[in-house]
């Protein structure tokens, strides 16, 4: 029984690692643009059509889908191009700006999504409005073309530029992360509840983390509740590009020889922004009025594949009957909160369990977080 409780704690921790996103700010409600003001392509194209195709290739196509152009139609020509002039080099000028409606199909990579699409009689299509900017260099008659992405509307794909903007590590250099996950499991008529809480204070290259895990159960022959806690201090050394880690032991910080988060590829404090983020790119998500969410057709496929590969091979446990949501709340250009709900079964040899889990990650205290090196730590 104790082995099962320990494994359940591992599963809870793995789900935390898979679905917790370093976000920011306490929730203040969403807005349609979520602080994203738009982005111009870095690449120039030889024609209007090439620019449209470049938009689909660079901003929509990704790990989950390939965007295929069906058609594009000019909606209007802007009379003023002043807003785009500042985005060009000094020797360039804007000739004209067209608002273009791009219609495309999504050729999904996910096996689950492909199977779902095959049940549709008519091909699904998607529409996104972009601006095509015609540019010339002063003193020449040669034209080049760039696309400009405005803020996404509800229900549309989120472009790469939006995704990378709200997750830019430079926006998360000073804040407090508050993480909480609660998992409730039923196992052969007994319950196991796991709660994991931690806070991370980040101030530039210095980070302080406090972790608390508690497990309660009514299983016989098991102590309840069981709890553990740990305090860690991190400092990024720019000289050798290495994160040094100290753990609080008996009131004193002792240096950890093996970086605790080394398995997640932590090599700098910027990595803490993405270490808990699901390994999914922008093409898995769709826009919402509060930010963005994972498209339902990709969620269960990703959950079962990822968890079974990472947990099942180690513990003999396999996830079944998965149902989940994954939502990101964006405001003022950053992710302020991530909320994941997970409902799944677990098969382990001749036994099974059922678990419901909620994970919440918030960030707060931007620009006012202070982390000092704890006393007793020396170089």
Protein backbone atom coordinates (compact mmCIF):
# COMPACT_ATOMS: atom_id res chain seq x y z
CA UNK A 1 0.00 0.00 0.00
CA UNK A 2 2.75 2.44 0.92
CA UNK A 3 4.34 1.83 -2.48
CA UNK A 4 1.09 2.80 -4.17
CA UNK A 5 0.87 6.02 -2.13
CA UNK A 6 4.42 6.89 -3.06
CA UNK A 7 3.72 6.25 -6.73
CA UNK A 8 0.55 8.35 -6.56
CA UNK A 9 2.62 11.22 -5.23
CA UNK A 10 5.00 10.77 -8.15
CA UNK A 11 2.10 10.87 -10.61
CA UNK A 12 0.82 14.09 -9.02
CA UNK A 13 4.28 15.61 -9.28
CA UNK A 14 4.65 14.55 -12.92
CA UNK A 15 1.31 16.11 -13.79
CA UNK A 16 2.51 19.27 -12.06
CA UNK A 17 5.59 19.28 -14.24
CA UNK A 18 3.56 18.62 -17.37
CA UNK A 19 0.83 21.17 -16.89
CA UNK A 20 2.01 23.99 -14.64
CA UNK A 21 3.04 27.10 -16.54
CA UNK A 22 5.06 29.88 -14.99
CA UNK A 23 2.49 32.61 -15.45
CA UNK A 24 2.04 35.98 -13.84
CA UNK A 25 -0.14 38.51 -12.03
CA UNK A 26 -3.26 37.79 -10.05
CA UNK A 27 -6.40 37.51 -12.13
CA UNK A 28 -8.01 40.83 -13.02
CA UNK A 29 -10.23 39.61 -15.84
CA UNK A 30 -9.40 39.26 -19.50
CA UNK A 31 -9.58 41.63 -22.42
CA UNK A 32 -9.92 40.84 -26.10
CA UNK A 33 -6.39 41.82 -27.12
CA UNK A 34 -4.74 40.59 -23.91
CA UNK A 35 -2.04 43.24 -24.28
CA UNK A 36 -0.75 41.94 -27.62
CA UNK A 37 -0.52 44.85 -30.05
CA UNK A 38 0.48 42.90 -33.15
CA UNK A 39 3.70 41.95 -34.96
CA UNK A 40 5.29 42.43 -38.39
CA UNK A 41 7.12 39.64 -40.20
CA UNK A 42 10.88 39.83 -40.06
CA UNK A 43 11.17 38.27 -43.50
CA UNK A 44 10.36 40.13 -46.71
CA UNK A 45 8.57 38.42 -49.62
CA UNK A 46 8.53 38.92 -53.38
CA UNK A 47 4.77 39.02 -53.77
CA UNK A 48 1.52 39.47 -51.91
CA UNK A 49 0.68 35.79 -52.21
CA UNK A 50 4.10 34.79 -50.92
CA UNK A 51 3.54 37.02 -47.89
CA UNK A 52 0.17 35.35 -47.22
CA UNK A 53 1.75 31.90 -47.52
CA UNK A 54 4.60 33.06 -45.29
CA UNK A 55 2.07 34.05 -42.63
CA UNK A 56 0.54 30.56 -42.67
CA UNK A 57 3.91 28.82 -42.66
CA UNK A 58 5.51 30.89 -39.91
CA UNK A 59 2.56 31.77 -37.68
CA UNK A 60 -0.04 28.98 -37.97
CA UNK A 61 1.72 25.76 -39.07
CA UNK A 62 3.47 23.98 -36.22
CA UNK A 63 3.86 20.68 -34.41
CA UNK A 64 0.10 20.02 -34.36
CA UNK A 65 -1.01 21.19 -37.78
CA UNK A 66 0.00 22.32 -41.24
CA UNK A 67 -1.96 25.28 -42.59
CA UNK A 68 -2.97 24.98 -46.25
CA UNK A 69 -4.02 28.11 -48.14
CA UNK A 70 -7.47 27.92 -49.73
CA UNK A 71 -7.88 31.55 -50.77
CA UNK A 72 -7.29 35.13 -49.68
CA UNK A 73 -9.36 38.21 -50.42
CA UNK A 74 -8.59 41.89 -50.09
CA UNK A 75 -11.08 43.57 -47.75
CA UNK A 76 -9.86 47.14 -47.80
CA UNK A 77 -6.88 49.37 -48.48
CA UNK A 78 -5.78 51.56 -45.62
CA UNK A 79 -5.55 55.26 -46.40
CA UNK A 80 -2.89 55.88 -43.75
CA UNK A 81 0.22 53.75 -43.20
CA UNK A 82 1.84 55.85 -40.48
CA UNK A 83 1.39 53.13 -37.87
CA UNK A 84 3.71 50.79 -39.81
CA UNK A 85 6.41 53.27 -40.80
CA UNK A 86 8.13 53.12 -37.42
CA UNK A 87 8.60 49.34 -37.83
CA UNK A 88 10.74 49.74 -40.95
CA UNK A 89 14.38 50.64 -41.43
CA UNK A 90 15.21 54.33 -42.15
CA UNK A 91 15.74 53.67 -45.88
CA UNK A 92 12.33 52.01 -46.35
CA UNK A 93 8.91 53.49 -46.92
CA UNK A 94 5.38 52.10 -46.94
CA UNK A 95 3.75 52.15 -50.39
CA UNK A 96 0.37 50.70 -49.38
CA UNK A 97 -1.32 48.52 -46.75
CA UNK A 98 -4.07 46.02 -47.53
CA UNK A 99 -6.33 44.26 -45.08
CA UNK A 100 -6.58 40.67 -46.31
CA UNK A 101 -8.87 37.85 -45.20
CA UNK A 102 -6.98 34.54 -45.36
CA UNK A 103 -8.97 31.31 -45.60
CA UNK A 104 -7.08 28.08 -44.91
CA UNK A 105 -7.47 24.45 -43.89
CA UNK A 106 -5.69 22.74 -41.01
CA UNK A 107 -4.08 19.41 -41.90
CA UNK A 108 -3.74 18.01 -38.39
CA UNK A 109 -0.77 15.95 -37.34
CA UNK A 110 -2.41 14.48 -34.22
CA UNK A 111 -3.85 11.01 -34.85
CA UNK A 112 -6.86 11.80 -32.68
CA UNK A 113 -7.56 15.04 -34.52
CA UNK A 114 -7.17 13.39 -37.92
CA UNK A 115 -9.67 10.68 -36.99
CA UNK A 116 -12.14 13.31 -35.82
CA UNK A 117 -11.70 15.33 -39.01
CA UNK A 118 -12.41 12.27 -41.16
CA UNK A 119 -15.93 12.11 -39.72
CA UNK A 120 -16.75 15.56 -41.15
CA UNK A 121 -18.37 15.49 -44.56
CA UNK A 122 -17.17 18.94 -45.55
CA UNK A 123 -13.64 20.19 -45.10
CA UNK A 124 -13.33 22.56 -42.17
CA UNK A 125 -11.76 25.90 -42.89
CA UNK A 126 -10.45 28.77 -40.80
CA UNK A 127 -10.27 32.49 -41.41
CA UNK A 128 -7.68 34.98 -40.17
CA UNK A 129 -7.37 38.66 -41.07
CA UNK A 130 -3.87 40.05 -41.63
CA UNK A 131 -2.35 43.14 -43.23
CA UNK A 132 -0.09 42.91 -46.25
CA UNK A 133 2.37 45.82 -46.39
CA UNK A 134 3.98 46.86 -49.65
CA UNK A 135 7.42 48.38 -49.05
CA UNK A 136 9.98 50.12 -51.23
CA UNK A 137 13.42 51.51 -50.56
CA UNK A 138 13.85 55.22 -51.07
CA UNK A 139 15.08 56.06 -54.58
CA UNK A 140 14.12 52.68 -56.08
CA UNK A 141 11.06 51.15 -57.73
CA UNK A 142 11.59 47.67 -56.24
CA UNK A 143 8.81 46.41 -54.02
CA UNK A 144 8.86 43.87 -51.21
CA UNK A 145 6.00 42.55 -49.08
CA UNK A 146 5.56 41.83 -45.38
CA UNK A 147 2.63 40.62 -43.32
CA UNK A 148 1.41 42.20 -40.10
CA UNK A 149 -0.55 40.21 -37.50
CA UNK A 150 -3.19 42.09 -35.50
CA UNK A 151 -4.58 40.75 -32.24
CA UNK A 152 -6.44 37.46 -32.70
CA UNK A 153 -10.21 37.21 -32.45
CA UNK A 154 -12.02 34.65 -30.32
CA UNK A 155 -12.04 31.11 -31.64
CA UNK A 156 -9.13 31.58 -34.05
CA UNK A 157 -5.68 30.05 -34.04
CA UNK A 158 -3.13 31.94 -32.00
CA UNK A 159 -0.11 32.94 -34.10
CA UNK A 160 3.47 32.19 -33.17
CA UNK A 161 4.22 35.88 -32.57
CA UNK A 162 1.43 36.15 -29.98
CA UNK A 163 2.51 32.96 -28.21
CA UNK A 164 6.16 33.99 -28.02
CA UNK A 165 5.24 37.51 -26.92
CA UNK A 166 3.16 36.49 -23.89
CA UNK A 167 5.77 33.89 -22.87
CA UNK A 168 8.81 36.10 -23.37
CA UNK A 169 11.14 35.26 -20.40
CA UNK A 170 12.15 38.90 -20.12
CA UNK A 171 8.64 39.68 -18.85
CA UNK A 172 9.02 37.27 -15.92
CA UNK A 173 12.30 38.38 -14.36
CA UNK A 174 10.77 39.85 -11.21
CA UNK A 175 7.65 38.27 -9.72
CA UNK A 176 6.29 35.64 -7.35
CA UNK A 177 4.95 32.35 -8.66
CA UNK A 178 2.25 30.61 -6.61
CA UNK A 179 1.64 27.00 -7.54
CA UNK A 180 -1.01 24.65 -6.17
CA UNK A 181 -2.20 21.21 -7.19
CA UNK A 182 -4.84 19.10 -5.47
CA UNK A 183 -5.35 15.47 -6.49
CA UNK A 184 -8.08 13.22 -5.10
CA UNK A 185 -7.77 9.50 -5.83
CA UNK A 186 -10.07 6.55 -5.16
CA UNK A 187 -8.29 3.23 -4.82
CA UNK A 188 -10.16 0.01 -4.04
CA UNK A 189 -12.62 1.83 -1.79
CA UNK A 190 -9.99 3.96 -0.06
CA UNK A 191 -9.08 7.56 -0.73
CA UNK A 192 -5.71 9.23 -1.24
CA UNK A 193 -5.53 13.02 -1.37
CA UNK A 194 -2.34 14.74 -2.47
CA UNK A 195 -1.72 18.47 -2.20
CA UNK A 196 1.42 20.16 -3.46
CA UNK A 197 2.06 23.86 -2.91
CA UNK A 198 5.09 25.94 -3.69
CA UNK A 199 6.08 29.54 -4.15
CA UNK A 200 8.99 30.81 -6.20
CA UNK A 201 10.33 34.32 -5.70
CA UNK A 202 12.41 35.50 -8.62
CA UNK A 203 14.58 38.59 -8.62
CA UNK A 204 16.82 38.59 -11.68
CA UNK A 205 19.41 35.83 -11.28
CA UNK A 206 18.30 34.93 -7.74
CA UNK A 207 15.38 32.64 -6.89
CA UNK A 208 13.97 31.32 -3.62
CA UNK A 209 11.57 28.35 -3.58
CA UNK A 210 9.51 26.85 -0.76
CA UNK A 211 7.76 23.51 -1.39
CA UNK A 212 5.16 21.71 0.74
CA UNK A 213 3.56 18.35 -0.07
CA UNK A 214 0.88 16.64 2.05
CA UNK A 215 -0.72 13.22 1.51
CA UNK A 216 -3.79 12.10 3.47
CA UNK A 217 -5.39 8.67 3.21
CA UNK A 218 -7.72 6.28 5.03
CA UNK A 219 -5.76 3.24 3.87
CA UNK A 220 -4.97 0.85 6.71
CA UNK A 221 -1.44 0.54 8.05
CA UNK A 222 -0.48 3.95 6.66
CA UNK A 223 0.31 7.06 8.58
CA UNK A 224 -1.96 9.98 7.70
CA UNK A 225 -1.30 12.74 7.02
CA UNK A 226 2.20 12.46 5.58
CA UNK A 227 3.93 15.71 4.77
CA UNK A 228 7.28 16.99 3.63
CA UNK A 229 8.73 20.41 2.87
CA UNK A 230 11.88 21.83 1.37
CA UNK A 231 13.38 25.28 0.83
CA UNK A 232 15.75 25.92 -2.06
CA UNK A 233 17.82 28.89 -3.18
CA UNK A 234 19.01 29.27 -6.78
CA UNK A 235 21.58 31.61 -8.21
CA UNK A 236 22.54 31.85 -11.85
CA UNK A 237 26.25 32.30 -12.47
CA UNK A 238 26.66 34.24 -15.72
CA UNK A 239 30.38 33.45 -15.82
CA UNK A 240 29.90 29.73 -16.51
CA UNK A 241 26.20 29.80 -17.45
CA UNK A 242 25.29 27.51 -14.58
CA UNK A 243 22.55 27.47 -11.94
CA UNK A 244 23.86 26.82 -8.42
CA UNK A 245 21.41 25.30 -5.94
CA UNK A 246 21.38 25.35 -2.14
CA UNK A 247 18.97 23.42 0.11
CA UNK A 248 17.96 24.43 3.63
CA UNK A 249 19.07 21.65 6.01
CA UNK A 250 18.75 22.04 9.79
CA UNK A 251 18.59 25.81 9.51
CA UNK A 252 21.57 26.13 7.16
CA UNK A 253 21.74 26.25 3.37
CA UNK A 254 23.92 23.50 1.91
CA UNK A 255 24.98 23.42 -1.73
CA UNK A 256 23.41 20.67 -3.82
CA UNK A 257 25.96 18.89 -5.98
CA UNK A 258 23.37 17.70 -8.50
CA UNK A 259 20.96 20.42 -9.63
CA UNK A 260 17.52 19.25 -8.52
CA UNK A 261 15.90 20.48 -11.71
CA UNK A 262 18.64 19.19 -13.95
CA UNK A 263 16.28 16.58 -15.39
CA UNK A 264 14.17 19.42 -16.76
CA UNK A 265 17.14 20.99 -18.54
CA UNK A 266 17.45 24.01 -16.26
CA UNK A 267 20.57 25.91 -17.30
CA UNK A 268 19.48 29.48 -16.49
CA UNK A 269 16.85 31.31 -14.48
CA UNK A 270 14.96 31.97 -17.73
CA UNK A 271 14.34 28.23 -17.96
CA UNK A 272 12.08 28.46 -14.90
CA UNK A 273 9.55 30.26 -17.09
CA UNK A 274 9.13 27.23 -19.37
CA UNK A 275 10.23 24.20 -17.32
CA UNK A 276 6.67 23.37 -16.23
CA UNK A 277 5.01 24.27 -19.49
CA UNK A 278 3.54 21.44 -21.56
CA UNK A 279 5.79 20.67 -24.49
CA UNK A 280 3.34 22.09 -26.99
CA UNK A 281 3.70 24.95 -29.40
CA UNK A 282 1.23 27.63 -30.48
CA UNK A 283 -0.43 25.40 -33.09
CA UNK A 284 -2.16 23.33 -30.39
CA UNK A 285 -4.10 26.31 -29.04
CA UNK A 286 -7.05 28.51 -29.94
CA UNK A 287 -7.87 32.08 -28.90
CA UNK A 288 -10.46 32.84 -26.22
CA UNK A 289 -11.78 36.03 -24.66
CA UNK A 290 -9.56 35.43 -21.59
CA UNK A 291 -6.40 34.32 -23.39
CA UNK A 292 -6.10 30.92 -25.03
CA UNK A 293 -6.81 27.25 -24.43
CA UNK A 294 -5.69 23.92 -25.76
CA UNK A 295 -7.91 22.72 -28.58
CA UNK A 296 -10.08 19.82 -27.31
CA UNK A 297 -9.12 17.57 -30.22
CA UNK A 298 -5.48 17.58 -29.09
CA UNK A 299 -5.87 17.39 -25.31
CA UNK A 300 -6.67 13.75 -24.55
CA UNK A 301 -4.27 12.48 -27.20
CA UNK A 302 -1.44 14.51 -25.66
CA UNK A 303 -2.28 13.59 -22.06
CA UNK A 304 -2.39 9.86 -22.56
CA UNK A 305 0.64 9.77 -24.84
CA UNK A 306 2.82 11.95 -22.62
CA UNK A 307 1.87 10.48 -19.26
CA UNK A 308 2.04 6.87 -20.39
CA UNK A 309 5.46 7.37 -21.96
CA UNK A 310 6.89 9.19 -18.95
CA UNK A 311 5.13 7.43 -16.08
CA UNK A 312 4.07 4.06 -17.40
CA UNK A 313 7.54 2.98 -18.46
CA UNK A 314 8.88 3.77 -14.97
CA UNK A 315 6.10 2.53 -12.71
CA UNK A 316 4.00 0.10 -14.73
CA UNK A 317 1.08 2.54 -14.42
CA UNK A 318 -0.99 3.56 -17.44
CA UNK A 319 -3.52 6.34 -17.79
CA UNK A 320 -7.04 5.65 -19.11
CA UNK A 321 -10.34 7.50 -19.66
CA UNK A 322 -8.74 10.92 -19.63
CA UNK A 323 -10.77 14.12 -19.54
CA UNK A 324 -9.14 17.49 -19.02
CA UNK A 325 -9.03 21.20 -19.72
CA UNK A 326 -6.03 23.49 -20.00
CA UNK A 327 -6.59 27.25 -19.98
CA UNK A 328 -4.26 30.24 -19.96
CA UNK A 329 -5.47 33.65 -18.76
CA UNK A 330 -3.63 36.53 -20.40
CA UNK A 331 -3.66 40.20 -19.40
CA UNK A 332 -1.36 43.12 -20.09
CA UNK A 333 0.70 41.01 -22.48
CA UNK A 334 1.57 38.19 -20.06
CA UNK A 335 0.07 34.94 -18.85
CA UNK A 336 -1.38 35.74 -15.44
CA UNK A 337 -2.82 32.34 -14.59
CA UNK A 338 -2.87 28.75 -15.81
CA UNK A 339 -5.65 26.40 -14.74
CA UNK A 340 -5.69 22.69 -15.58
CA UNK A 341 -8.39 20.20 -14.58
CA UNK A 342 -7.63 16.51 -15.05
CA UNK A 343 -9.86 13.47 -14.56
CA UNK A 344 -8.25 10.10 -15.33
CA UNK A 345 -8.07 6.43 -14.46
CA UNK A 346 -4.88 4.57 -13.54
CA UNK A 347 -4.23 0.89 -14.34
CA UNK A 348 -1.37 -0.69 -12.41
CA UNK A 349 -0.96 -4.42 -12.96
CA UNK A 350 -4.07 -5.93 -11.30
CA UNK A 351 -5.20 -2.77 -9.55
CA UNK A 352 -6.79 0.47 -10.68
CA UNK A 353 -7.58 3.92 -9.35
CA UNK A 354 -9.42 7.05 -10.35
CA UNK A 355 -8.03 10.56 -9.84
CA UNK A 356 -9.35 14.10 -10.17
CA UNK A 357 -6.79 16.88 -10.12
CA UNK A 358 -6.78 20.66 -10.35
CA UNK A 359 -3.60 22.63 -10.97
CA UNK A 360 -3.39 26.39 -10.64
CA UNK A 361 -0.38 28.63 -11.26
CA UNK A 362 -0.43 32.37 -10.67
CA UNK A 363 2.17 35.11 -10.61
CA UNK A 364 2.04 38.34 -8.65
CA UNK A 365 4.17 41.18 -7.25
CA UNK A 366 5.76 42.11 -10.55
CA UNK A 367 8.54 44.64 -10.23
CA UNK A 368 8.50 44.57 -6.43
CA UNK A 369 9.91 41.12 -5.63
CA UNK A 370 13.18 41.14 -3.68
CA UNK A 371 15.37 38.05 -3.14
CA UNK A 372 18.50 38.36 -1.03
CA UNK A 373 21.16 35.69 -0.78
CA UNK A 374 20.46 33.78 2.47
CA UNK A 375 22.96 34.23 5.27
CA UNK A 376 25.59 31.53 5.54
CA UNK A 377 26.04 31.09 1.77
CA UNK A 378 29.48 32.02 0.50
CA UNK A 379 31.12 31.68 -2.92
